[in-house]
N, C-alpha and C. Protein backbone atom coordinates (compact mmCIF):
# COMPACT_ATOMS: atom_id res chain seq x y z
N MET A 1 107.96 107.54 96.69
CA MET A 1 109.03 107.94 97.01
C MET A 1 108.70 109.64 98.05
N VAL A 2 107.67 110.50 97.54
CA VAL A 2 107.57 111.54 98.33
C VAL A 2 107.13 111.20 99.55
N ILE A 3 106.45 110.31 99.84
CA ILE A 3 105.99 109.87 101.26
C ILE A 3 107.30 109.11 102.00
N GLU A 4 108.03 108.46 101.28
CA GLU A 4 108.86 107.41 102.09
C GLU A 4 110.31 108.31 102.24
N THR A 5 110.70 109.28 101.31
CA THR A 5 111.69 109.94 101.60
C THR A 5 111.61 111.46 101.77
N GLU A 6 110.35 111.65 102.06
CA GLU A 6 109.97 113.27 102.60
C GLU A 6 110.68 114.20 101.38
N LYS A 7 110.72 113.76 100.38
CA LYS A 7 111.49 114.84 99.14
C LYS A 7 110.34 115.52 98.59
N PRO A 8 110.52 116.81 98.00
CA PRO A 8 109.44 117.60 97.73
C PRO A 8 108.90 116.88 96.38
N VAL A 9 107.64 116.99 95.88
CA VAL A 9 106.85 116.63 95.10
C VAL A 9 107.76 117.10 93.69
N ALA A 10 108.08 118.37 93.55
CA ALA A 10 108.67 118.76 92.10
C ALA A 10 109.77 117.85 91.82
N GLU A 11 110.78 117.62 92.91
CA GLU A 11 112.21 116.81 92.78
C GLU A 11 111.85 115.46 92.24
N VAL A 12 110.54 114.72 92.99
CA VAL A 12 110.70 113.21 92.70
C VAL A 12 109.76 113.18 91.29
N ALA A 13 109.15 114.38 90.85
CA ALA A 13 108.36 114.34 89.49
C ALA A 13 109.57 114.53 88.58
N ARG A 14 110.39 115.47 88.64
CA ARG A 14 111.47 115.48 87.74
C ARG A 14 112.04 114.29 87.26
N ASP A 15 112.70 113.76 88.88
CA ASP A 15 113.33 112.18 88.69
C ASP A 15 112.65 111.43 87.92
N LEU A 16 111.30 111.02 88.10
CA LEU A 16 110.35 110.44 87.37
C LEU A 16 109.95 110.54 86.17
N GLU A 17 110.39 111.79 85.68
CA GLU A 17 109.74 112.54 84.48
C GLU A 17 108.40 112.43 84.47
N ILE A 18 107.76 112.76 85.20
CA ILE A 18 106.23 113.00 85.07
C ILE A 18 105.91 114.29 85.89
N ASN A 19 104.35 114.72 85.47
CA ASN A 19 103.93 115.59 85.77
C ASN A 19 103.85 115.91 87.33
N ALA A 20 104.51 116.96 87.90
CA ALA A 20 104.57 117.28 89.17
C ALA A 20 103.01 117.53 89.79
N GLY A 21 101.93 118.30 88.88
CA GLY A 21 100.64 118.18 89.35
C GLY A 21 99.92 117.04 89.45
N THR A 22 100.42 116.12 88.78
CA THR A 22 99.93 114.67 88.88
C THR A 22 100.19 114.05 89.91
N LEU A 23 101.51 114.21 90.21
CA LEU A 23 102.08 113.52 91.46
C LEU A 23 101.42 114.05 92.58
N ALA A 24 101.40 115.26 92.83
CA ALA A 24 100.60 115.93 93.77
C ALA A 24 99.61 115.30 94.19
N ASN A 25 98.62 115.10 93.10
CA ASN A 25 97.21 114.79 93.17
C ASN A 25 97.37 113.41 93.96
N TRP A 26 98.05 112.58 93.19
CA TRP A 26 98.38 111.18 93.52
C TRP A 26 98.68 111.27 95.32
N VAL A 27 99.71 111.83 95.74
CA VAL A 27 100.28 111.90 96.89
C VAL A 27 99.21 112.43 97.94
N ASN A 28 98.37 113.44 97.48
CA ASN A 28 97.32 114.09 98.40
C ASN A 28 96.51 112.82 98.61
N ALA A 29 95.78 112.01 97.31
CA ALA A 29 94.73 111.01 97.73
C ALA A 29 95.34 109.84 98.33
N TRP A 30 96.27 109.72 98.26
CA TRP A 30 97.00 108.55 99.13
C TRP A 30 96.93 109.05 100.74
N ARG A 31 97.31 110.25 100.59
CA ARG A 31 97.40 110.65 102.22
C ARG A 31 96.04 110.85 102.92
N ARG A 32 95.02 111.30 102.07
CA ARG A 32 93.39 111.31 102.61
C ARG A 32 93.08 109.85 102.89
N GLU A 33 93.27 108.85 102.01
CA GLU A 33 93.02 107.53 102.12
C GLU A 33 93.91 107.03 103.20
N ASN A 34 94.85 107.40 103.78
CA ASN A 34 95.94 106.62 104.75
C ASN A 34 96.37 107.56 105.71
N PRO A 35 95.26 108.06 106.41
CA PRO A 35 95.62 109.23 107.23
C PRO A 35 96.59 108.29 108.48
N GLY A 36 97.76 109.10 108.84
CA GLY A 36 98.48 108.45 110.07
C GLY A 36 99.20 107.16 109.51
N SER A 37 99.24 106.62 108.50
CA SER A 37 100.04 105.59 108.08
C SER A 37 101.63 105.88 107.64
N GLU A 38 102.13 107.13 107.59
CA GLU A 38 103.27 107.25 107.05
C GLU A 38 104.22 106.88 108.20
N GLN A 39 105.14 106.09 107.71
CA GLN A 39 106.31 105.54 108.90
C GLN A 39 107.36 106.55 108.18
N PRO A 40 108.06 106.78 109.37
CA PRO A 40 109.18 107.40 109.68
C PRO A 40 110.37 106.60 108.75
N VAL A 41 111.31 107.32 108.11
CA VAL A 41 112.38 106.55 107.12
C VAL A 41 113.66 106.48 107.87
N SER A 42 114.32 105.44 107.96
CA SER A 42 115.26 105.16 108.76
C SER A 42 116.56 105.80 107.68
N PRO A 43 117.80 106.31 108.45
CA PRO A 43 118.91 106.93 107.84
C PRO A 43 119.32 105.99 106.41
N SER A 44 119.16 104.27 106.95
CA SER A 44 119.83 103.47 106.11
C SER A 44 118.86 103.45 104.60
N GLU A 45 117.51 103.57 105.06
CA GLU A 45 116.71 103.48 103.74
C GLU A 45 116.98 104.67 102.90
N ARG A 46 117.14 105.57 103.44
CA ARG A 46 117.23 107.20 102.85
C ARG A 46 118.41 106.60 101.99
N ALA A 47 119.68 106.33 102.47
CA ALA A 47 120.76 106.02 102.05
C ALA A 47 120.44 105.21 100.62
N ARG A 48 119.81 104.07 100.98
CA ARG A 48 119.40 103.10 99.79
C ARG A 48 118.72 103.87 98.58
N VAL A 49 117.84 104.90 98.95
CA VAL A 49 117.08 105.55 98.00
C VAL A 49 117.87 106.55 97.22
N ALA A 50 118.61 106.85 97.70
CA ALA A 50 119.84 107.62 97.09
C ALA A 50 120.45 106.96 96.23
N GLU A 51 121.05 105.71 96.52
CA GLU A 51 121.80 105.17 95.69
C GLU A 51 120.93 104.62 94.44
N MET A 52 119.79 104.09 94.70
CA MET A 52 119.04 103.60 93.69
C MET A 52 118.72 105.09 92.75
N GLU A 53 118.45 106.19 92.84
CA GLU A 53 118.30 107.26 92.36
C GLU A 53 119.60 107.81 91.46
N ASP A 54 120.60 107.55 91.96
CA ASP A 54 122.06 107.77 91.48
C ASP A 54 122.22 106.66 90.12
N GLU A 55 121.66 105.60 90.54
CA GLU A 55 121.70 104.30 89.72
C GLU A 55 120.74 104.63 88.35
N ILE A 56 119.61 104.93 88.68
CA ILE A 56 118.47 105.44 87.71
C ILE A 56 118.90 106.60 86.87
N ARG A 57 119.61 107.59 87.33
CA ARG A 57 119.98 108.67 86.70
C ARG A 57 121.25 108.43 85.54
N ARG A 58 122.21 107.22 86.27
CA ARG A 58 123.09 106.76 85.30
C ARG A 58 122.77 105.79 84.23
N LEU A 59 121.65 105.05 84.44
CA LEU A 59 121.09 104.03 83.38
C LEU A 59 120.52 105.20 82.50
N ARG A 60 119.78 105.90 82.78
CA ARG A 60 119.13 107.17 81.82
C ARG A 60 120.05 107.41 80.83
N MET A 61 121.39 107.95 81.28
CA MET A 61 122.22 108.65 80.40
C MET A 61 122.95 107.57 79.75
N GLU A 62 123.18 106.32 80.14
CA GLU A 62 123.69 105.14 79.32
C GLU A 62 122.58 105.06 78.20
N ASN A 63 121.42 104.79 78.73
CA ASN A 63 120.28 104.47 77.63
C ASN A 63 120.23 105.88 76.28
N GLU A 64 120.56 106.74 76.80
CA GLU A 64 120.53 107.96 75.75
C GLU A 64 121.57 108.04 74.99
N PHE A 65 122.80 107.58 75.71
CA PHE A 65 124.07 107.40 74.63
C PHE A 65 123.97 105.97 73.68
N LEU A 66 123.16 105.13 74.17
CA LEU A 66 123.05 104.00 73.44
C LEU A 66 122.07 104.26 72.29
N LYS A 67 121.15 104.85 72.48
CA LYS A 67 120.17 105.66 71.49
C LYS A 67 120.73 106.28 70.45
N LYS A 68 121.60 107.14 70.76
CA LYS A 68 122.53 107.78 69.81
C LYS A 68 123.35 107.19 69.16
N ALA A 69 124.26 106.30 69.75
CA ALA A 69 125.24 105.44 69.04
C ALA A 69 124.40 104.38 68.15
N ALA A 70 123.52 104.08 68.33
CA ALA A 70 122.51 103.25 67.45
C ALA A 70 122.01 103.96 66.25
N ALA A 71 121.53 105.17 66.60
CA ALA A 71 121.08 106.09 65.37
C ALA A 71 122.40 106.36 64.41
N PHE A 72 123.34 106.85 65.07
CA PHE A 72 124.62 106.81 64.51
C PHE A 72 125.00 105.90 63.37
N PHE A 73 125.30 104.82 63.83
CA PHE A 73 125.99 103.50 63.00
C PHE A 73 124.46 103.22 62.11
N ALA A 74 123.31 103.31 62.30
CA ALA A 74 122.42 103.25 61.24
C ALA A 74 122.67 103.76 60.33
N ARG A 75 122.86 105.30 60.67
CA ARG A 75 123.25 106.17 59.50
C ARG A 75 124.48 105.88 58.69
N THR A 76 125.56 105.51 59.22
CA THR A 76 126.65 105.23 58.62
C THR A 76 126.69 104.06 57.86
N SER A 77 125.85 102.89 57.91
CA SER A 77 125.90 101.69 57.63
C SER A 77 125.12 101.65 56.47
N GLN A 78 124.47 102.56 56.21
CA GLN A 78 123.67 102.87 54.71
C GLN A 78 124.39 103.12 53.67
């Protein structure tokens, strides 16, 4: 995502919930192994990535809600 969308490492790491330093190391290693192979991203691809990121964010919120609801019902049914 860093390479394809040109987003900052910190932002992508936060979205993926991983350590920014680790992601930066991976990106740097990829860039060393693949010099000059980065393709420019089209506006339609950028829009699609943004849509997918929004969906991921929404699904994570729904997942957290469902976890809390399941815990609540487990407590109240005992």
